[in-house]
Amino acid sequence: MNIKKIQELIELMNNNNLGEIEIEQEGQKVKLKKTTAQGIIEQVVPQAAALQQPQAAAAAPAKPKEAAGNLKEVKAPMVGTFYRSPSPDSEAYVDVGKVVHKGDVLCIIEAMKIMNEVKSEFDGKIVQIPVENAEPIEFGQTLFLIEPI
């Protein structure tokens, strides 16, 4: 089951005010559970058969949006777990105050055991990182506030 199918399930849940949905298809099992009115927090995903499938390429980077003043937001392109570094013992990709350029990796979002890089779409300086490392995130949640340069 690919990310697009899971996003369709999330939309189905939101449109029909469902709190939980579980689907099993071709040896893959997906369970989505909404624990708040704001979004889906828990995912229990593929069994062994799904783990043998080739891994998808990194997801498209989050699209920036104008925020208060001249700041731009980088939002989560998917539901998953936010990681500031490639591994627990590595340095963070970016910190507040760091200047980033278009194409620089800002973070990783883990979704269904796949690590997806989120890259900057513009040059700027990191002003705020409103999420904590290893925190579950929702689709469209603000990950970074960047001041364009």
Foldseek 3Di string as FASTA:
>chain_A
DDQVVVVVVQVVCLVVVNQKDWDDDPQKIWIWGHPDNPGTFDIDIGDPVVVPDDDDAADEAADWDQDPDQKIFGFAQAWAWKAQDPDPPDDGQDDAFDWDAFFRFRTWGQDRNDTHTHTDHGTFGWHDQPDDHRHTDHGGHTGTITRHD
